[in-house]
Amino acid sequence: MGNLYNQMDEHLSEIPLNIYSPVFKDMMEQLDRELENVLKNVYEGKFESGDIKLSLNVEIVDAISDLPYEDKETGEIITKEIAYKKPRFKYNTASTLKKKHEVKGEYDEKREIALEDDGFIARKLIDPQIRFSIEDKK
C-alpha cells in the first residue's frame, strides 16, 4: 500500500493544510495502527467487532518567534521578533473491541399465568373439573 502523504520538507515556504498534508502524517500512521489492531483481533475471532475513534483538536494560537536575518548594511546576523498566528493540531486515537458475553436460560414449565391480588403468579395446571369447583367457590 502506498503512502498518500507528502513528505515534510522544512524548506517549503507553504504546506497545504488538508488531510493529506505531511502535518497529519503521524496522526494517520497512528490511526492506521489502530485499524490494523482492530482488524487483526476481529479476524482472529478474539472479538466480534471494534470501534475506532479519532479526535482532532484544531486551534489557532498567537505565537512569537525570533527569526534570524542578515542586516544588509553590516552583513551581521540579527534576530527579529515576529508575532504570528500558528495552527496547532492535537490528536487522540482510541479503539474499543467488543466481545459479547451472553448467558441464556429459559423458564418453560407447564404452569398457567394468572393475575391475583398481589400480582402475577405461575400456578400448577389443575384438572378442569377441580378448577371449575374452585372458581365456583370464589
N, C-alpha and C. Protein backbone atom coordinates (compact mmCIF):
# COMPACT_ATOMS: atom_id res chain seq x y z
N MET A 1 0.84 -1.16 0.00
CA MET A 1 0.00 0.00 0.00
C MET A 1 0.90 1.24 0.00
N GLY A 2 0.65 2.17 -0.89
CA GLY A 2 1.48 3.36 -1.00
C GLY A 2 1.14 4.39 0.05
N ASN A 3 2.08 5.27 0.29
CA ASN A 3 1.89 6.35 1.23
C ASN A 3 1.26 7.54 0.50
N LEU A 4 0.11 7.98 0.96
CA LEU A 4 -0.60 9.08 0.32
C LEU A 4 -0.09 10.44 0.77
N TYR A 5 0.74 10.46 1.77
CA TYR A 5 1.11 11.73 2.39
C TYR A 5 2.38 12.30 1.80
N ASN A 6 2.34 13.59 1.57
CA ASN A 6 3.51 14.30 1.08
C ASN A 6 4.60 14.25 2.13
N GLN A 7 5.82 14.22 1.70
CA GLN A 7 6.93 14.24 2.64
C GLN A 7 7.11 15.66 3.17
N MET A 8 7.33 15.76 4.46
CA MET A 8 7.52 17.07 5.08
C MET A 8 8.85 17.63 4.63
N ASP A 9 8.81 18.80 4.08
CA ASP A 9 10.03 19.49 3.65
C ASP A 9 10.09 20.80 4.40
N GLU A 10 11.02 20.89 5.34
CA GLU A 10 11.15 22.08 6.18
C GLU A 10 11.48 23.33 5.36
N HIS A 11 11.98 23.14 4.16
CA HIS A 11 12.37 24.28 3.35
C HIS A 11 11.22 24.86 2.53
N LEU A 12 10.09 24.17 2.52
CA LEU A 12 8.94 24.70 1.79
C LEU A 12 8.41 25.94 2.50
N SER A 13 8.07 26.95 1.74
CA SER A 13 7.52 28.15 2.37
C SER A 13 6.05 27.96 2.72
N GLU A 14 5.39 27.05 2.04
CA GLU A 14 3.97 26.79 2.32
C GLU A 14 3.72 25.28 2.36
N ILE A 15 2.88 24.90 3.29
CA ILE A 15 2.47 23.50 3.41
C ILE A 15 0.94 23.49 3.37
N PRO A 16 0.35 22.75 2.47
CA PRO A 16 -1.12 22.71 2.43
C PRO A 16 -1.66 22.06 3.71
N LEU A 17 -2.75 22.61 4.22
CA LEU A 17 -3.38 22.04 5.41
C LEU A 17 -4.65 21.31 4.98
N ASN A 18 -4.47 20.07 4.64
CA ASN A 18 -5.58 19.18 4.34
C ASN A 18 -5.22 17.81 4.91
N ILE A 19 -6.12 16.88 4.82
CA ILE A 19 -5.90 15.58 5.47
C ILE A 19 -4.70 14.83 4.90
N TYR A 20 -4.28 15.17 3.68
CA TYR A 20 -3.13 14.51 3.06
C TYR A 20 -1.82 15.25 3.34
N SER A 21 -1.90 16.31 4.10
CA SER A 21 -0.72 17.11 4.41
C SER A 21 0.26 16.31 5.26
N PRO A 22 1.55 16.55 5.09
CA PRO A 22 2.53 15.88 5.95
C PRO A 22 2.36 16.26 7.42
N VAL A 23 1.66 17.33 7.68
CA VAL A 23 1.38 17.75 9.05
C VAL A 23 0.65 16.63 9.81
N PHE A 24 -0.19 15.89 9.10
CA PHE A 24 -1.01 14.85 9.72
C PHE A 24 -0.44 13.44 9.55
N LYS A 25 0.78 13.34 9.09
CA LYS A 25 1.38 12.03 8.83
C LYS A 25 1.40 11.15 10.09
N ASP A 26 1.88 11.67 11.22
CA ASP A 26 1.95 10.88 12.45
C ASP A 26 0.55 10.45 12.90
N MET A 27 -0.40 11.37 12.81
CA MET A 27 -1.77 11.06 13.22
C MET A 27 -2.34 9.93 12.37
N MET A 28 -2.15 10.00 11.06
CA MET A 28 -2.70 8.99 10.18
C MET A 28 -1.99 7.65 10.35
N GLU A 29 -0.70 7.68 10.65
CA GLU A 29 0.02 6.43 10.92
C GLU A 29 -0.51 5.78 12.19
N GLN A 30 -0.81 6.59 13.21
CA GLN A 30 -1.38 6.05 14.44
C GLN A 30 -2.77 5.48 14.18
N LEU A 31 -3.57 6.17 13.40
CA LEU A 31 -4.90 5.68 13.05
C LEU A 31 -4.79 4.36 12.29
N ASP A 32 -3.81 4.26 11.42
CA ASP A 32 -3.58 3.03 10.66
C ASP A 32 -3.21 1.88 11.59
N ARG A 33 -2.38 2.15 12.60
CA ARG A 33 -2.02 1.11 13.57
C ARG A 33 -3.25 0.64 14.35
N GLU A 34 -4.10 1.58 14.73
CA GLU A 34 -5.34 1.21 15.45
C GLU A 34 -6.21 0.32 14.56
N LEU A 35 -6.35 0.70 13.30
CA LEU A 35 -7.15 -0.08 12.36
C LEU A 35 -6.59 -1.49 12.20
N GLU A 36 -5.29 -1.60 12.06
CA GLU A 36 -4.65 -2.91 11.91
C GLU A 36 -4.89 -3.77 13.14
N ASN A 37 -4.80 -3.19 14.33
CA ASN A 37 -5.02 -3.93 15.57
C ASN A 37 -6.46 -4.44 15.66
N VAL A 38 -7.41 -3.57 15.35
CA VAL A 38 -8.82 -3.98 15.41
C VAL A 38 -9.10 -5.07 14.37
N LEU A 39 -8.63 -4.86 13.15
CA LEU A 39 -8.85 -5.87 12.11
C LEU A 39 -8.27 -7.22 12.50
N LYS A 40 -7.06 -7.23 13.05
CA LYS A 40 -6.39 -8.47 13.44
C LYS A 40 -7.21 -9.21 14.51
N ASN A 41 -7.64 -8.48 15.54
CA ASN A 41 -8.39 -9.11 16.63
C ASN A 41 -9.75 -9.63 16.19
N VAL A 42 -10.42 -8.89 15.31
CA VAL A 42 -11.72 -9.35 14.81
C VAL A 42 -11.53 -10.52 13.86
N TYR A 43 -10.52 -10.44 12.99
CA TYR A 43 -10.24 -11.51 12.03
C TYR A 43 -9.91 -12.82 12.75
N GLU A 44 -9.14 -12.73 13.85
CA GLU A 44 -8.75 -13.92 14.60
C GLU A 44 -9.87 -14.45 15.50
N GLY A 45 -11.00 -13.76 15.50
CA GLY A 45 -12.15 -14.21 16.29
C GLY A 45 -12.06 -13.90 17.76
N LYS A 46 -11.10 -13.09 18.16
CA LYS A 46 -10.97 -12.73 19.57
C LYS A 46 -12.08 -11.77 20.00
N PHE A 47 -12.58 -10.99 19.05
CA PHE A 47 -13.65 -10.04 19.32
C PHE A 47 -14.63 -10.06 18.15
N GLU A 48 -15.86 -9.63 18.42
CA GLU A 48 -16.88 -9.62 17.37
C GLU A 48 -16.74 -8.42 16.45
N SER A 49 -16.37 -7.28 17.02
CA SER A 49 -16.25 -6.07 16.23
C SER A 49 -15.42 -5.06 17.02
N GLY A 50 -15.18 -3.94 16.40
CA GLY A 50 -14.43 -2.89 17.08
C GLY A 50 -14.81 -1.52 16.55
N ASP A 51 -14.60 -0.53 17.38
CA ASP A 51 -14.81 0.86 17.01
C ASP A 51 -13.48 1.58 17.12
N ILE A 52 -13.26 2.49 16.20
CA ILE A 52 -12.06 3.33 16.25
C ILE A 52 -12.52 4.78 16.23
N LYS A 53 -11.99 5.54 17.15
CA LYS A 53 -12.34 6.95 17.21
C LYS A 53 -11.08 7.79 17.03
N LEU A 54 -11.20 8.80 16.22
CA LEU A 54 -10.13 9.77 16.02
C LEU A 54 -10.66 11.11 16.45
N SER A 55 -9.97 11.74 17.37
CA SER A 55 -10.34 13.07 17.83
C SER A 55 -9.23 14.02 17.40
N LEU A 56 -9.61 15.09 16.74
CA LEU A 56 -8.64 16.08 16.27
C LEU A 56 -9.05 17.44 16.80
N ASN A 57 -8.21 18.01 17.63
CA ASN A 57 -8.45 19.35 18.18
C ASN A 57 -7.69 20.34 17.32
N VAL A 58 -8.39 21.35 16.83
CA VAL A 58 -7.79 22.36 15.95
C VAL A 58 -7.81 23.70 16.68
N GLU A 59 -6.64 24.32 16.77
CA GLU A 59 -6.52 25.63 17.40
C GLU A 59 -5.69 26.55 16.52
N ILE A 60 -5.95 27.83 16.63
CA ILE A 60 -5.08 28.86 16.06
C ILE A 60 -4.59 29.67 17.25
N VAL A 61 -3.29 29.65 17.49
CA VAL A 61 -2.73 30.30 18.68
C VAL A 61 -1.78 31.43 18.29
N ASP A 62 -1.74 32.44 19.14
CA ASP A 62 -0.78 33.53 18.95
C ASP A 62 0.60 33.05 19.38
N ALA A 63 1.60 33.40 18.59
CA ALA A 63 2.97 32.96 18.89
C ALA A 63 3.94 34.09 18.57
N ILE A 64 5.10 34.00 19.18
CA ILE A 64 6.19 34.94 18.92
C ILE A 64 7.46 34.12 18.73
N SER A 65 8.19 34.43 17.67
CA SER A 65 9.45 33.72 17.41
C SER A 65 10.52 34.73 17.02
N ASP A 66 11.75 34.38 17.34
CA ASP A 66 12.90 35.18 16.90
C ASP A 66 13.40 34.58 15.60
N LEU A 67 13.39 35.38 14.55
CA LEU A 67 13.87 34.91 13.25
C LEU A 67 15.18 35.62 12.89
N PRO A 68 16.19 34.84 12.55
CA PRO A 68 17.46 35.46 12.16
C PRO A 68 17.39 35.99 10.72
N TYR A 69 18.04 37.11 10.52
CA TYR A 69 18.17 37.62 9.15
C TYR A 69 19.48 38.40 9.07
N GLU A 70 19.92 38.62 7.88
CA GLU A 70 21.19 39.31 7.66
C GLU A 70 20.92 40.79 7.42
N ASP A 71 21.59 41.61 8.24
CA ASP A 71 21.49 43.07 8.05
C ASP A 71 22.23 43.41 6.76
N LYS A 72 21.54 44.07 5.82
CA LYS A 72 22.12 44.35 4.50
C LYS A 72 23.28 45.34 4.58
N GLU A 73 23.25 46.22 5.55
CA GLU A 73 24.32 47.23 5.65
C GLU A 73 25.58 46.66 6.28
N THR A 74 25.42 45.90 7.36
CA THR A 74 26.59 45.42 8.10
C THR A 74 26.95 43.97 7.78
N GLY A 75 25.99 43.21 7.24
CA GLY A 75 26.25 41.79 6.98
C GLY A 75 26.11 40.94 8.23
N GLU A 76 25.76 41.59 9.33
CA GLU A 76 25.59 40.88 10.60
C GLU A 76 24.29 40.07 10.60
N ILE A 77 24.33 38.96 11.33
CA ILE A 77 23.11 38.18 11.53
C ILE A 77 22.41 38.75 12.77
N ILE A 78 21.21 39.20 12.55
CA ILE A 78 20.41 39.81 13.61
C ILE A 78 19.12 39.00 13.75
N THR A 79 18.58 38.98 14.95
CA THR A 79 17.29 38.32 15.13
C THR A 79 16.21 39.37 15.31
N LYS A 80 15.09 39.07 14.76
CA LYS A 80 13.95 39.97 14.87
C LYS A 80 12.78 39.17 15.42
N GLU A 81 12.07 39.77 16.36
CA GLU A 81 10.91 39.11 16.97
C GLU A 81 9.71 39.28 16.03
N ILE A 82 9.09 38.16 15.71
CA ILE A 82 7.94 38.16 14.81
C ILE A 82 6.74 37.59 15.57
N ALA A 83 5.62 38.31 15.53
CA ALA A 83 4.36 37.82 16.11
C ALA A 83 3.52 37.25 14.96
N TYR A 84 2.93 36.12 15.20
CA TYR A 84 2.13 35.47 14.15
C TYR A 84 1.09 34.54 14.77
N LYS A 85 0.19 34.06 13.97
CA LYS A 85 -0.79 33.05 14.39
C LYS A 85 -0.36 31.72 13.79
N LYS A 86 -0.38 30.69 14.61
CA LYS A 86 0.04 29.39 14.09
C LYS A 86 -1.03 28.34 14.35
N PRO A 87 -1.10 27.37 13.45
CA PRO A 87 -2.06 26.28 13.68
C PRO A 87 -1.47 25.28 14.68
N ARG A 88 -2.35 24.75 15.52
CA ARG A 88 -1.94 23.70 16.46
C ARG A 88 -2.98 22.58 16.34
N PHE A 89 -2.49 21.39 16.13
CA PHE A 89 -3.36 20.23 15.99
C PHE A 89 -2.96 19.20 17.05
N LYS A 90 -3.93 18.77 17.82
CA LYS A 90 -3.71 17.70 18.80
C LYS A 90 -4.67 16.57 18.44
N TYR A 91 -4.15 15.35 18.45
CA TYR A 91 -5.00 14.23 18.08
C TYR A 91 -4.96 13.14 19.14
N ASN A 92 -5.99 12.34 19.11
CA ASN A 92 -6.09 11.20 20.00
C ASN A 92 -6.83 10.09 19.25
N THR A 93 -6.28 8.90 19.28
CA THR A 93 -6.98 7.76 18.71
C THR A 93 -7.33 6.79 19.83
N ALA A 94 -8.46 6.14 19.68
CA ALA A 94 -8.88 5.15 20.67
C ALA A 94 -9.65 4.06 19.96
N SER A 95 -9.43 2.84 20.41
CA SER A 95 -10.20 1.73 19.84
C SER A 95 -10.86 0.96 20.96
N THR A 96 -12.03 0.45 20.65
CA THR A 96 -12.79 -0.37 21.58
C THR A 96 -13.11 -1.67 20.87
N LEU A 97 -12.69 -2.75 21.45
CA LEU A 97 -13.00 -4.06 20.89
C LEU A 97 -14.19 -4.62 21.65
N LYS A 98 -15.16 -5.17 20.90
CA LYS A 98 -16.40 -5.62 21.52
C LYS A 98 -16.47 -7.14 21.55
N LYS A 99 -16.67 -7.62 22.73
CA LYS A 99 -16.83 -9.06 22.93
C LYS A 99 -18.15 -9.25 23.66
N LYS A 100 -18.99 -10.02 23.09
CA LYS A 100 -20.30 -10.23 23.68
C LYS A 100 -20.24 -11.40 24.65
N HIS A 101 -20.71 -11.16 25.85
CA HIS A 101 -20.81 -12.22 26.84
C HIS A 101 -22.30 -12.44 27.07
N GLU A 102 -22.71 -13.66 26.91
CA GLU A 102 -24.13 -13.93 27.00
C GLU A 102 -24.36 -15.23 27.75
N VAL A 103 -25.31 -15.19 28.64
CA VAL A 103 -25.75 -16.39 29.33
C VAL A 103 -27.23 -16.53 29.03
N LYS A 104 -27.61 -17.68 28.54
CA LYS A 104 -29.01 -17.89 28.20
C LYS A 104 -29.63 -18.87 29.18
N GLY A 105 -30.87 -18.67 29.41
CA GLY A 105 -31.63 -19.57 30.26
C GLY A 105 -33.09 -19.50 29.83
N GLU A 106 -33.86 -20.37 30.39
CA GLU A 106 -35.27 -20.39 29.99
C GLU A 106 -36.10 -20.96 31.12
N TYR A 107 -37.25 -20.38 31.33
CA TYR A 107 -38.24 -20.94 32.24
C TYR A 107 -39.39 -21.38 31.35
N ASP A 108 -39.67 -22.67 31.34
CA ASP A 108 -40.71 -23.20 30.45
C ASP A 108 -41.43 -24.35 31.14
N GLU A 109 -42.09 -24.03 32.22
CA GLU A 109 -42.84 -25.04 32.98
C GLU A 109 -44.27 -25.09 32.47
N LYS A 110 -44.90 -26.21 32.69
CA LYS A 110 -46.33 -26.31 32.36
C LYS A 110 -47.11 -25.70 33.52
N ARG A 111 -47.14 -24.42 33.53
CA ARG A 111 -47.87 -23.66 34.54
C ARG A 111 -48.68 -22.58 33.85
N GLU A 112 -49.73 -22.20 34.50
CA GLU A 112 -50.61 -21.18 33.95
C GLU A 112 -50.30 -19.85 34.63
N ILE A 113 -50.26 -18.81 33.84
CA ILE A 113 -50.06 -17.49 34.42
C ILE A 113 -51.42 -16.93 34.81
N ALA A 114 -51.47 -16.32 35.96
CA ALA A 114 -52.73 -15.74 36.44
C ALA A 114 -52.42 -14.46 37.19
N LEU A 115 -53.39 -13.56 37.16
CA LEU A 115 -53.26 -12.30 37.90
C LEU A 115 -54.07 -12.42 39.17
N GLU A 116 -53.39 -12.37 40.29
CA GLU A 116 -54.04 -12.41 41.59
C GLU A 116 -53.96 -11.00 42.19
N ASP A 117 -54.49 -10.83 43.36
CA ASP A 117 -54.48 -9.52 44.00
C ASP A 117 -53.06 -8.98 44.21
N ASP A 118 -52.13 -9.87 44.53
CA ASP A 118 -50.75 -9.45 44.81
C ASP A 118 -49.88 -9.36 43.57
N GLY A 119 -50.41 -9.69 42.41
CA GLY A 119 -49.62 -9.64 41.18
C GLY A 119 -49.75 -10.94 40.40
N PHE A 120 -48.87 -11.09 39.45
CA PHE A 120 -48.90 -12.28 38.60
C PHE A 120 -48.29 -13.48 39.32
N ILE A 121 -48.88 -14.64 39.06
CA ILE A 121 -48.34 -15.89 39.59
C ILE A 121 -48.31 -16.92 38.47
N ALA A 122 -47.48 -17.93 38.65
CA ALA A 122 -47.46 -19.09 37.75
C ALA A 122 -47.92 -20.27 38.58
N ARG A 123 -49.07 -20.78 38.26
CA ARG A 123 -49.60 -21.85 39.11
C ARG A 123 -49.69 -23.16 38.34
N LYS A 124 -49.69 -24.26 39.11
CA LYS A 124 -49.79 -25.59 38.52
C LYS A 124 -51.10 -25.71 37.76
N LEU A 125 -51.02 -26.51 36.72
CA LEU A 125 -52.25 -26.80 35.99
C LEU A 125 -53.12 -27.70 36.85
N ILE A 126 -54.39 -27.40 36.86
CA ILE A 126 -55.33 -28.15 37.68
C ILE A 126 -56.31 -28.85 36.74
N ASP A 127 -56.73 -30.04 37.16
CA ASP A 127 -57.75 -30.77 36.40
C ASP A 127 -58.93 -29.81 36.18
N PRO A 128 -59.44 -29.72 34.96
CA PRO A 128 -60.51 -28.77 34.66
C PRO A 128 -61.73 -28.90 35.57
N GLN A 129 -62.09 -30.12 35.99
CA GLN A 129 -63.26 -30.26 36.86
C GLN A 129 -62.99 -29.67 38.23
N ILE A 130 -61.79 -29.89 38.76
CA ILE A 130 -61.43 -29.33 40.06
C ILE A 130 -61.36 -27.80 39.95
N ARG A 131 -60.84 -27.34 38.85
CA ARG A 131 -60.69 -25.90 38.62
C ARG A 131 -62.05 -25.20 38.67
N PHE A 132 -63.03 -25.78 38.00
CA PHE A 132 -64.35 -25.14 37.99
C PHE A 132 -64.93 -25.08 39.39
N SER A 133 -64.72 -26.12 40.18
CA SER A 133 -65.28 -26.11 41.54
C SER A 133 -64.57 -25.08 42.40
N ILE A 134 -63.25 -24.87 42.19
CA ILE A 134 -62.51 -23.85 42.94
C ILE A 134 -63.01 -22.46 42.54
N GLU A 135 -63.21 -22.25 41.24
CA GLU A 135 -63.65 -20.95 40.76
C GLU A 135 -65.08 -20.66 41.21
N ASP A 136 -65.91 -21.70 41.33
CA ASP A 136 -67.28 -21.50 41.79
C ASP A 136 -67.31 -21.04 43.24
N LYS A 137 -66.33 -21.50 44.05
CA LYS A 137 -66.28 -21.14 45.47
C LYS A 137 -65.84 -19.69 45.67
N LYS A 138 -65.21 -19.10 44.69
CA LYS A 138 -64.71 -17.72 44.83
C LYS A 138 -65.81 -16.73 44.82
